[in-house]
Structure formats: structure tokens, C-alpha cells
C-alpha atoms as a PDB file:
ATOM      1  CA  UNK A   1      44.347 -19.933  18.900  1.00  0.00           C
ATOM      2  CA  UNK A   2      41.134 -19.739  17.380  1.00  0.00           C
ATOM      3  CA  UNK A   3      40.297 -15.821  17.174  1.00  0.00           C
ATOM      4  CA  UNK A   4      36.350 -16.293  15.417  1.00  0.00           C
ATOM      5  CA  UNK A   5      34.129 -19.381  15.513  1.00  0.00           C
ATOM      6  CA  UNK A   6      30.901 -19.465  14.357  1.00  0.00           C
ATOM      7  CA  UNK A   7      28.106 -21.947  14.694  1.00  0.00           C
ATOM      8  CA  UNK A   8      24.938 -22.739  12.741  1.00  0.00           C
ATOM      9  CA  UNK A   9      24.634 -19.565  12.623  1.00  0.00           C
ATOM     10  CA  UNK A  10      20.804 -18.441  11.632  1.00  0.00           C
ATOM     11  CA  UNK A  11      19.071 -15.640   9.981  1.00  0.00           C
ATOM     12  CA  UNK A  12      15.463 -15.215   8.321  1.00  0.00           C
ATOM     13  CA  UNK A  13      13.911 -11.986   6.781  1.00  0.00           C
ATOM     14  CA  UNK A  14       9.896 -13.504   6.640  1.00  0.00           C
ATOM     15  CA  UNK A  15      10.173 -15.924   4.184  1.00  0.00           C
ATOM     16  CA  UNK A  16      13.862 -15.278   3.353  1.00  0.00           C
ATOM     17  CA  UNK A  17      16.492 -17.867   4.857  1.00  0.00           C
ATOM     18  CA  UNK A  18      19.357 -15.426   4.752  1.00  0.00           C
ATOM     19  CA  UNK A  19      21.844 -17.459   6.606  1.00  0.00           C
ATOM     20  CA  UNK A  20      21.753 -21.331   6.719  1.00  0.00           C
ATOM     21  CA  UNK A  21      23.330 -23.253   9.319  1.00  0.00           C
ATOM     22  CA  UNK A  22      26.690 -21.130   8.760  1.00  0.00           C
ATOM     23  CA  UNK A  23      29.982 -22.460  10.537  1.00  0.00           C
ATOM     24  CA  UNK A  24      33.515 -22.306  10.136  1.00  0.00           C
ATOM     25  CA  UNK A  25      36.508 -20.766  11.713  1.00  0.00           C
ATOM     26  CA  UNK A  26      39.437 -18.359  11.905  1.00  0.00           C
ATOM     27  CA  UNK A  27      42.325 -18.510  13.540  1.00  0.00           C
ATOM     28  CA  UNK A  28      44.441 -15.717  15.094  1.00  0.00           C
ATOM     29  CA  UNK A  29      46.373 -13.874  12.007  1.00  0.00           C
ATOM     30  CA  UNK A  30      44.416 -15.393   9.674  1.00  0.00           C
ATOM     31  CA  UNK A  31      43.300 -13.321   5.999  1.00  0.00           C
ATOM     32  CA  UNK A  32      40.194 -15.221   5.157  1.00  0.00           C
ATOM     33  CA  UNK A  33      38.050 -14.460   1.987  1.00  0.00           C
ATOM     34  CA  UNK A  34      34.087 -14.391   1.779  1.00  0.00           C
ATOM     35  CA  UNK A  35      33.370 -14.937  -1.873  1.00  0.00           C
ATOM     36  CA  UNK A  36      29.845 -15.864  -3.727  1.00  0.00           C
ATOM     37  CA  UNK A  37      27.095 -14.188  -5.963  1.00  0.00           C
ATOM     38  CA  UNK A  38      25.013 -11.187  -4.570  1.00  0.00           C
ATOM     39  CA  UNK A  39      22.611 -12.749  -2.099  1.00  0.00           C
ATOM     40  CA  UNK A  40      24.604 -15.361  -0.955  1.00  0.00           C
ATOM     41  CA  UNK A  41      24.534 -14.082   2.743  1.00  0.00           C
ATOM     42  CA  UNK A  42      28.047 -12.780   2.958  1.00  0.00           C
ATOM     43  CA  UNK A  43      27.014  -9.017   4.040  1.00  0.00           C
ATOM     44  CA  UNK A  44      23.936 -10.541   6.053  1.00  0.00           C
ATOM     45  CA  UNK A  45      26.736 -12.345   8.121  1.00  0.00           C
ATOM     46  CA  UNK A  46      28.885  -9.337   8.507  1.00  0.00           C
ATOM     47  CA  UNK A  47      26.103  -7.862   9.860  1.00  0.00           C
ATOM     48  CA  UNK A  48      25.502 -10.720  12.517  1.00  0.00           C
ATOM     49  CA  UNK A  49      29.226 -10.953  13.438  1.00  0.00           C
ATOM     50  CA  UNK A  50      29.128  -6.680  13.734  1.00  0.00           C
ATOM     51  CA  UNK A  51      25.596  -6.753  15.879  1.00  0.00           C
ATOM     52  CA  UNK A  52      24.291  -4.459  13.618  1.00  0.00           C
ATOM     53  CA  UNK A  53      21.379  -7.443  13.694  1.00  0.00           C
ATOM     54  CA  UNK A  54      20.709 -10.682  15.625  1.00  0.00           C
ATOM     55  CA  UNK A  55      20.968 -14.017  14.581  1.00  0.00           C
ATOM     56  CA  UNK A  56      17.647 -16.131  15.019  1.00  0.00           C
ATOM     57  CA  UNK A  57      20.604 -18.707  16.453  1.00  0.00           C
ATOM     58  CA  UNK A  58      23.622 -20.079  16.970  1.00  0.00           C
ATOM     59  CA  UNK A  59      26.661 -18.881  18.341  1.00  0.00           C
ATOM     60  CA  UNK A  60      29.773 -16.398  17.626  1.00  0.00           C
ATOM     61  CA  UNK A  61      32.929 -16.613  19.564  1.00  0.00           C
ATOM     62  CA  UNK A  62      35.514 -13.912  19.719  1.00  0.00           C
ATOM     63  CA  UNK A  63      38.441 -15.509  21.477  1.00  0.00           C
ATOM     64  CA  UNK A  64      36.195 -17.663  23.463  1.00  0.00           C
ATOM     65  CA  UNK A  65      33.681 -15.191  24.317  1.00  0.00           C
ATOM     66  CA  UNK A  66      30.258 -15.252  22.988  1.00  0.00           C
ATOM     67  CA  UNK A  67      28.817 -12.310  21.089  1.00  0.00           C
ATOM     68  CA  UNK A  68      26.054 -13.388  19.636  1.00  0.00           C
ATOM     69  CA  UNK A  69      24.013 -10.362  20.113  1.00  0.00           C
ATOM     70  CA  UNK A  70      25.517  -7.901  21.812  1.00  0.00           C
ATOM     71  CA  UNK A  71      25.170  -4.179  20.713  1.00  0.00           C
ATOM     72  CA  UNK A  72      27.811  -3.189  17.574  1.00  0.00           C
ATOM     73  CA  UNK A  73      29.504  -0.524  20.353  1.00  0.00           C
ATOM     74  CA  UNK A  74      29.935  -3.544  22.791  1.00  0.00           C
ATOM     75  CA  UNK A  75      31.463  -6.307  19.576  1.00  0.00           C
ATOM     76  CA  UNK A  76      33.172  -2.921  18.855  1.00  0.00           C
ATOM     77  CA  UNK A  77      35.110  -2.336  22.182  1.00  0.00           C
ATOM     78  CA  UNK A  78      35.590  -6.388  22.727  1.00  0.00           C
ATOM     79  CA  UNK A  79      37.710  -6.141  19.491  1.00  0.00           C
ATOM     80  CA  UNK A  80      35.453  -6.301  15.884  1.00  0.00           C
ATOM     81  CA  UNK A  81      36.217  -3.163  13.557  1.00  0.00           C
ATOM     82  CA  UNK A  82      34.855  -3.117  10.296  1.00  0.00           C
ATOM     83  CA  UNK A  83      34.900  -1.106   7.095  1.00  0.00           C
ATOM     84  CA  UNK A  84      31.745  -1.176   4.773  1.00  0.00           C
ATOM     85  CA  UNK A  85      31.252  -1.305   1.676  1.00  0.00           C
ATOM     86  CA  UNK A  86      28.883   1.921   0.839  1.00  0.00           C
ATOM     87  CA  UNK A  87      31.249   4.474   3.053  1.00  0.00           C
ATOM     88  CA  UNK A  88      29.722   7.255   5.024  1.00  0.00           C
ATOM     89  CA  UNK A  89      31.741   9.444   6.450  1.00  0.00           C
ATOM     90  CA  UNK A  90      30.697  12.679   8.584  1.00  0.00           C
ATOM     91  CA  UNK A  91      30.655  15.004   5.346  1.00  0.00           C
ATOM     92  CA  UNK A  92      31.094  18.091   7.285  1.00  0.00           C
ATOM     93  CA  UNK A  93      33.748  16.839   9.660  1.00  0.00           C
ATOM     94  CA  UNK A  94      37.633  16.792   8.678  1.00  0.00           C
ATOM     95  CA  UNK A  95      39.402  13.318   8.158  1.00  0.00           C
ATOM     96  CA  UNK A  96      41.340  13.899  10.850  1.00  0.00           C
ATOM     97  CA  UNK A  97      37.594  14.336  13.423  1.00  0.00           C
ATOM     98  CA  UNK A  98      35.944  11.628  11.413  1.00  0.00           C
ATOM     99  CA  UNK A  99      39.073   9.287  12.076  1.00  0.00           C
ATOM    100  CA  UNK A 100      39.195  10.598  15.489  1.00  0.00           C
ATOM    101  CA  UNK A 101      35.381   9.334  16.666  1.00  0.00           C
ATOM    102  CA  UNK A 102      36.725   5.769  15.830  1.00  0.00           C
ATOM    103  CA  UNK A 103      39.992   6.206  17.635  1.00  0.00           C
ATOM    104  CA  UNK A 104      37.907   6.976  21.111  1.00  0.00           C
ATOM    105  CA  UNK A 105      36.762   3.623  21.060  1.00  0.00           C
ATOM    106  CA  UNK A 106      40.055   2.788  22.264  1.00  0.00           C
ATOM    107  CA  UNK A 107      41.141   5.697  23.266  1.00  0.00           C
ATOM    108  CA  UNK A 108      39.045   8.091  25.172  1.00  0.00           C
ATOM    109  CA  UNK A 109      41.201  10.901  26.080  1.00  0.00           C
ATOM    110  CA  UNK A 110      40.641  12.847  23.325  1.00  0.00           C
ATOM    111  CA  UNK A 111      44.124  14.570  22.762  1.00  0.00           C
ATOM    112  CA  UNK A 112      45.337  10.568  22.479  1.00  0.00           C
ATOM    113  CA  UNK A 113      42.573   9.702  20.278  1.00  0.00           C
ATOM    114  CA  UNK A 114      43.659  12.431  17.575  1.00  0.00           C
ATOM    115  CA  UNK A 115      47.070  11.466  17.459  1.00  0.00           C
ATOM    116  CA  UNK A 116      45.802   8.263  17.235  1.00  0.00           C
ATOM    117  CA  UNK A 117      43.824   9.057  14.196  1.00  0.00           C
ATOM    118  CA  UNK A 118      46.940  11.135  12.586  1.00  0.00           C
ATOM    119  CA  UNK A 119      48.812   7.667  13.081  1.00  0.00           C
ATOM    120  CA  UNK A 120      46.460   6.450  11.293  1.00  0.00           C
ATOM    121  CA  UNK A 121      45.453   8.753   8.352  1.00  0.00           C
ATOM    122  CA  UNK A 122      49.397   8.531   7.521  1.00  0.00           C
ATOM    123  CA  UNK A 123      48.785   4.865   7.258  1.00  0.00           C
ATOM    124  CA  UNK A 124      46.722   4.777   4.869  1.00  0.00           C
ATOM    125  CA  UNK A 125      48.126   7.754   2.833  1.00  0.00           C
ATOM    126  CA  UNK A 126      45.972  10.133   4.096  1.00  0.00           C
ATOM    127  CA  UNK A 127      48.302  12.231   6.158  1.00  0.00           C
ATOM    128  CA  UNK A 128      48.105  15.327   3.751  1.00  0.00           C
ATOM    129  CA  UNK A 129      44.405  15.201   4.069  1.00  0.00           C
ATOM    130  CA  UNK A 130      43.771  15.260   7.291  1.00  0.00           C
ATOM    131  CA  UNK A 131      42.113  18.716   7.411  1.00  0.00           C
ATOM    132  CA  UNK A 132      40.216  17.759   4.272  1.00  0.00           C
ATOM    133  CA  UNK A 133      36.610  17.768   4.713  1.00  0.00           C
ATOM    134  CA  UNK A 134      34.926  14.111   3.983  1.00  0.00           C
ATOM    135  CA  UNK A 135      32.440  15.395   1.306  1.00  0.00           C
ATOM    136  CA  UNK A 136      35.699  16.534  -0.719  1.00  0.00           C
ATOM    137  CA  UNK A 137      37.069  13.358  -0.883  1.00  0.00           C
ATOM    138  CA  UNK A 138      36.620  10.816  -4.175  1.00  0.00           C
ATOM    139  CA  UNK A 139      35.976   7.774  -4.013  1.00  0.00           C
ATOM    140  CA  UNK A 140      39.335   5.947  -3.324  1.00  0.00           C
ATOM    141  CA  UNK A 141      40.550   8.725  -0.627  1.00  0.00           C
ATOM    142  CA  UNK A 142      36.828   7.822   0.837  1.00  0.00           C
ATOM    143  CA  UNK A 143      37.564   3.666   1.081  1.00  0.00           C
ATOM    144  CA  UNK A 144      40.902   4.763   2.515  1.00  0.00           C
ATOM    145  CA  UNK A 145      38.629   6.811   5.328  1.00  0.00           C
ATOM    146  CA  UNK A 146      36.391   4.155   5.539  1.00  0.00           C
ATOM    147  CA  UNK A 147      39.480   1.700   6.038  1.00  0.00           C
ATOM    148  CA  UNK A 148      41.349   4.107   9.153  1.00  0.00           C
ATOM    149  CA  UNK A 149      38.026   4.764  10.861  1.00  0.00           C
ATOM    150  CA  UNK A 150      38.121   0.599  11.306  1.00  0.00           C
ATOM    151  CA  UNK A 151      41.926   0.699  11.833  1.00  0.00           C
ATOM    152  CA  UNK A 152      41.271   3.741  14.541  1.00  0.00           C
ATOM    153  CA  UNK A 153      38.481   1.596  16.525  1.00  0.00           C
ATOM    154  CA  UNK A 154      42.025  -1.064  17.581  1.00  0.00           C
ATOM    155  CA  UNK A 155      40.606  -4.295  16.226  1.00  0.00           C
ATOM    156  CA  UNK A 156      41.547  -7.367  16.602  1.00  0.00           C
ATOM    157  CA  UNK A 157      39.556  -9.153  14.059  1.00  0.00           C
ATOM    158  CA  UNK A 158      38.562  -6.654  11.254  1.00  0.00           C
ATOM    159  CA  UNK A 159      35.506  -7.385   8.807  1.00  0.00           C
ATOM    160  CA  UNK A 160      36.261  -6.079   5.315  1.00  0.00           C
ATOM    161  CA  UNK A 161      33.774  -5.057   3.124  1.00  0.00           C
ATOM    162  CA  UNK A 162      34.165  -5.015  -0.425  1.00  0.00           C
ATOM    163  CA  UNK A 163      36.997  -1.702  -0.072  1.00  0.00           C
ATOM    164  CA  UNK A 164      37.863  -2.375  -3.225  1.00  0.00           C
ATOM    165  CA  UNK A 165      34.279  -1.894  -5.049  1.00  0.00           C
ATOM    166  CA  UNK A 166      33.938   1.180  -6.802  1.00  0.00           C
ATOM    167  CA  UNK A 167      37.908   1.589  -7.705  1.00  0.00           C
ATOM    168  CA  UNK A 168      39.668   1.347 -11.564  1.00  0.00           C
ATOM    169  CA  UNK A 169      42.334  -0.906 -11.854  1.00  0.00           C
ATOM    170  CA  UNK A 170      45.439   1.550 -10.398  1.00  0.00           C
ATOM    171  CA  UNK A 171      43.792   2.180  -7.062  1.00  0.00           C
ATOM    172  CA  UNK A 172      42.754  -1.731  -6.702  1.00  0.00           C
ATOM    173  CA  UNK A 173      46.167  -2.647  -6.886  1.00  0.00           C
ATOM    174  CA  UNK A 174      47.329   0.197  -4.685  1.00  0.00           C
ATOM    175  CA  UNK A 175      44.771  -0.890  -2.086  1.00  0.00           C
ATOM    176  CA  UNK A 176      46.013  -4.397  -2.100  1.00  0.00           C
ATOM    177  CA  UNK A 177      49.981  -3.764  -2.093  1.00  0.00           C
ATOM    178  CA  UNK A 178      48.717  -1.802   0.965  1.00  0.00           C
ATOM    179  CA  UNK A 179      46.360  -3.626   3.251  1.00  0.00           C
ATOM    180  CA  UNK A 180      49.025  -6.589   3.950  1.00  0.00           C
ATOM    181  CA  UNK A 181      50.854  -3.682   5.704  1.00  0.00           C
ATOM    182  CA  UNK A 182      48.138  -2.263   7.809  1.00  0.00           C
ATOM    183  CA  UNK A 183      46.875  -5.419   8.699  1.00  0.00           C
ATOM    184  CA  UNK A 184      49.892  -7.963   9.272  1.00  0.00           C
ATOM    185  CA  UNK A 185      48.896  -8.242  13.035  1.00  0.00           C
ATOM    186  CA  UNK A 186      45.083  -8.837  12.819  1.00  0.00           C
ATOM    187  CA  UNK A 187      42.824 -11.217  11.875  1.00  0.00           C
ATOM    188  CA  UNK A 188      40.780 -10.369   8.906  1.00  0.00           C
ATOM    189  CA  UNK A 189      37.492 -11.591   6.862  1.00  0.00           C
ATOM    190  CA  UNK A 190      37.631  -9.779   3.396  1.00  0.00           C
ATOM    191  CA  UNK A 191      34.022  -9.847   1.765  1.00  0.00           C
ATOM    192  CA  UNK A 192      35.725  -9.267  -2.210  1.00  0.00           C
ATOM    193  CA  UNK A 193      34.448  -9.966  -5.731  1.00  0.00           C
ATOM    194  CA  UNK A 194      37.321  -9.512  -7.543  1.00  0.00           C
ATOM    195  CA  UNK A 195      39.125 -12.490  -7.399  1.00  0.00           C
ATOM    196  CA  UNK A 196      42.978 -11.494  -8.287  1.00  0.00           C
ATOM    197  CA  UNK A 197      42.912  -9.855  -4.897  1.00  0.00           C
ATOM    198  CA  UNK A 198      41.524 -12.749  -2.977  1.00  0.00           C
ATOM    199  CA  UNK A 199      43.854 -15.203  -4.596  1.00  0.00           C
ATOM    200  CA  UNK A 200      46.793 -12.531  -3.706  1.00  0.00           C
ATOM    201  CA  UNK A 201      45.645 -11.777   0.014  1.00  0.00           C
ATOM    202  CA  UNK A 202      43.780 -14.540   1.527  1.00  0.00           C
ATOM    203  CA  UNK A 203      45.111 -17.438   3.214  1.00  0.00           C
ATOM    204  CA  UNK A 204      41.835 -19.682   2.946  1.00  0.00           C
ATOM    205  CA  UNK A 205      38.946 -18.996   0.786  1.00  0.00           C
ATOM    206  CA  UNK A 206      34.854 -19.363   2.090  1.00  0.00           C
ATOM    207  CA  UNK A 207      32.434 -19.624  -0.550  1.00  0.00           C
ATOM    208  CA  UNK A 208      28.615 -19.097   0.528  1.00  0.00           C
ATOM    209  CA  UNK A 209      25.834 -20.068  -1.606  1.00  0.00           C
ATOM    210  CA  UNK A 210      22.215 -19.361  -0.503  1.00  0.00           C
ATOM    211  CA  UNK A 211      23.188 -18.666   3.358  1.00  0.00           C
ATOM    212  CA  UNK A 212      24.864 -21.593   3.712  1.00  0.00           C
ATOM    213  CA  UNK A 213      29.368 -22.278   3.374  1.00  0.00           C
ATOM    214  CA  UNK A 214      29.284 -24.824   0.913  1.00  0.00           C
ATOM    215  CA  UNK A 215      33.333 -24.583   0.334  1.00  0.00           C
ATOM    216  CA  UNK A 216      36.600 -23.493   1.982  1.00  0.00           C
ATOM    217  CA  UNK A 217      40.008 -24.164   1.818  1.00  0.00           C
ATOM    218  CA  UNK A 218      42.894 -22.479  -0.147  1.00  0.00           C
ATOM    219  CA  UNK A 219      41.969 -20.026  -2.309  1.00  0.00           C
ATOM    220  CA  UNK A 220      42.750 -21.262  -5.411  1.00  0.00           C
ATOM    221  CA  UNK A 221      41.173 -24.742  -4.297  1.00  0.00           C
ATOM    222  CA  UNK A 222      37.943 -22.564  -4.121  1.00  0.00           C
ATOM    223  CA  UNK A 223      37.935 -20.841  -7.028  1.00  0.00           C
ATOM    224  CA  UNK A 224      38.743 -24.028  -9.670  1.00  0.00           C
ATOM    225  CA  UNK A 225      36.041 -26.141  -7.368  1.00  0.00           C
ATOM    226  CA  UNK A 226      33.335 -27.309 -10.233  1.00  0.00           C
ATOM    227  CA  UNK A 227      30.594 -25.952  -8.408  1.00  0.00           C
ATOM    228  CA  UNK A 228      32.154 -22.550  -7.665  1.00  0.00           C
ATOM    229  CA  UNK A 229      32.534 -21.993 -11.019  1.00  0.00           C
ATOM    230  CA  UNK A 230      29.566 -23.484 -12.433  1.00  0.00           C
ATOM    231  CA  UNK A 231      27.561 -21.193  -9.765  1.00  0.00           C
ATOM    232  CA  UNK A 232      29.269 -18.089  -9.497  1.00  0.00           C
ATOM    233  CA  UNK A 233      32.895 -17.951 -11.433  1.00  0.00           C
ATOM    234  CA  UNK A 234      30.817 -18.648 -14.989  1.00  0.00           C
ATOM    235  CA  UNK A 235      28.156 -15.947 -14.130  1.00  0.00           C
ATOM    236  CA  UNK A 236      30.929 -13.716 -13.069  1.00  0.00           C
ATOM    237  CA  UNK A 237      32.797 -14.180 -16.381  1.00  0.00           C
ATOM    238  CA  UNK A 238      29.836 -14.208 -18.558  1.00  0.00           C
ATOM    239  CA  UNK A 239      29.608 -10.412 -17.040  1.00  0.00           C
END
């Protein structure tokens, strides 16, 4: 069954066409990596899927229901959760309070939402930091808190925007091992520049350039495509 169907999405910001007819489908339970250079349109795509911005034209269907143009809270309620690249926890709230806010999307009763938040914190390895304030967390722990807040909302489709950015090699490896244990019953889209993580985590990859989807397929095939190597991986290797 198709979890997400994206058809001919277009978005222009003044003279810049950020999305140019983006179309692809994601099956239930599939993990898809969205790859491409900075400015390729990846985050704009996530912003349209999560309702932060409205596409100019095109369709987004979540399990057959049109969601294009709905408000972010409505899209979250329908089952799309998102973890952002730049983490912005409520600095003066505890980890438990931060994640409880996410849990209230699925469980309106405060006590039950708090229980759900504690469960998710334990799953991401923050159970012993439940009472720590957001401002006191390291980058690595903030990444996990961001992930926990998204998971607590009860998503059917989870959007992960560079959850490995800013982590060292050890932390990246730990996160790559952790993610499948948290999302094995979800449909997941991952924006990521750590190619090895895409190869390990994803069943399929979609390569974007200049707002358009150019290549899609098995991650190893996409990463070995001459166009991807010339336009993206070659530049990455030179850095």
C-alpha cells in the first residue's frame, strides 16, 4: 500500500524555483533517503510535506487523503511527524516536558501523554535525563530529544532532516544503530549527507538537484550513478 504519493510539486520563491515538478511514491514501511547537494530542494520538500509552506501546485496524499495546503498541526494529527536538522528544544523545560508536548498530539490526557513521553525518552536513551533542562543538553542529546518529540506524536510517516548533522563518528554510529529499532513499523523519509548511513538505513534513495528528482532506486545504484557522482559525490569528496 502507498503511504505517501507526491505528484508534480512545485514551489517558487520569487525568481527561484525551489521545487520543479517533484513526483514519487513511498510504500508503507519503506525507508527512503533524500539526497543531494545543499540547495537541491530537499528541505523545501519536507516543508511542503509537513505543512510549513504551501506548494504552488501539485498534490500530496497521505494514505490516499489529500493533505497539500493543510496547517502543520493538522498534518501532524493525520500522521506525519518531523525531526528538524536544527534542534530547538524549549530550553527552560525538562526533556520530559519537551516530549510530553509532542505526545499531546496523540494523547490529549496529560497523565497519559506524560507516560508516553517517558516511554519514548527511554527508547532514545534519554530516560535518565528526563528532568534535565533542554538548555543543558549536548548536541548529541538534543538530536535524540528532537527525535523523541517527533516519535511521541505518533507518526505514520516520519520525516528526519539530517539527524546525524553535528555528530561525531561515534555518535553517528550509535544513531544509525538506534534508528531502525525506533522506526521499524513506520514509513520514513531521511534527508542525509552521510552516505554510509543512507546505504545502511534506506531501502531506496531519491536524488534531487535544482528542485527536481533526477534519479531514484536502490541506494547503491543511485550512489554509483555517473550523474550523482559528477554533480554531488564528486563535490563531497573534494571537501
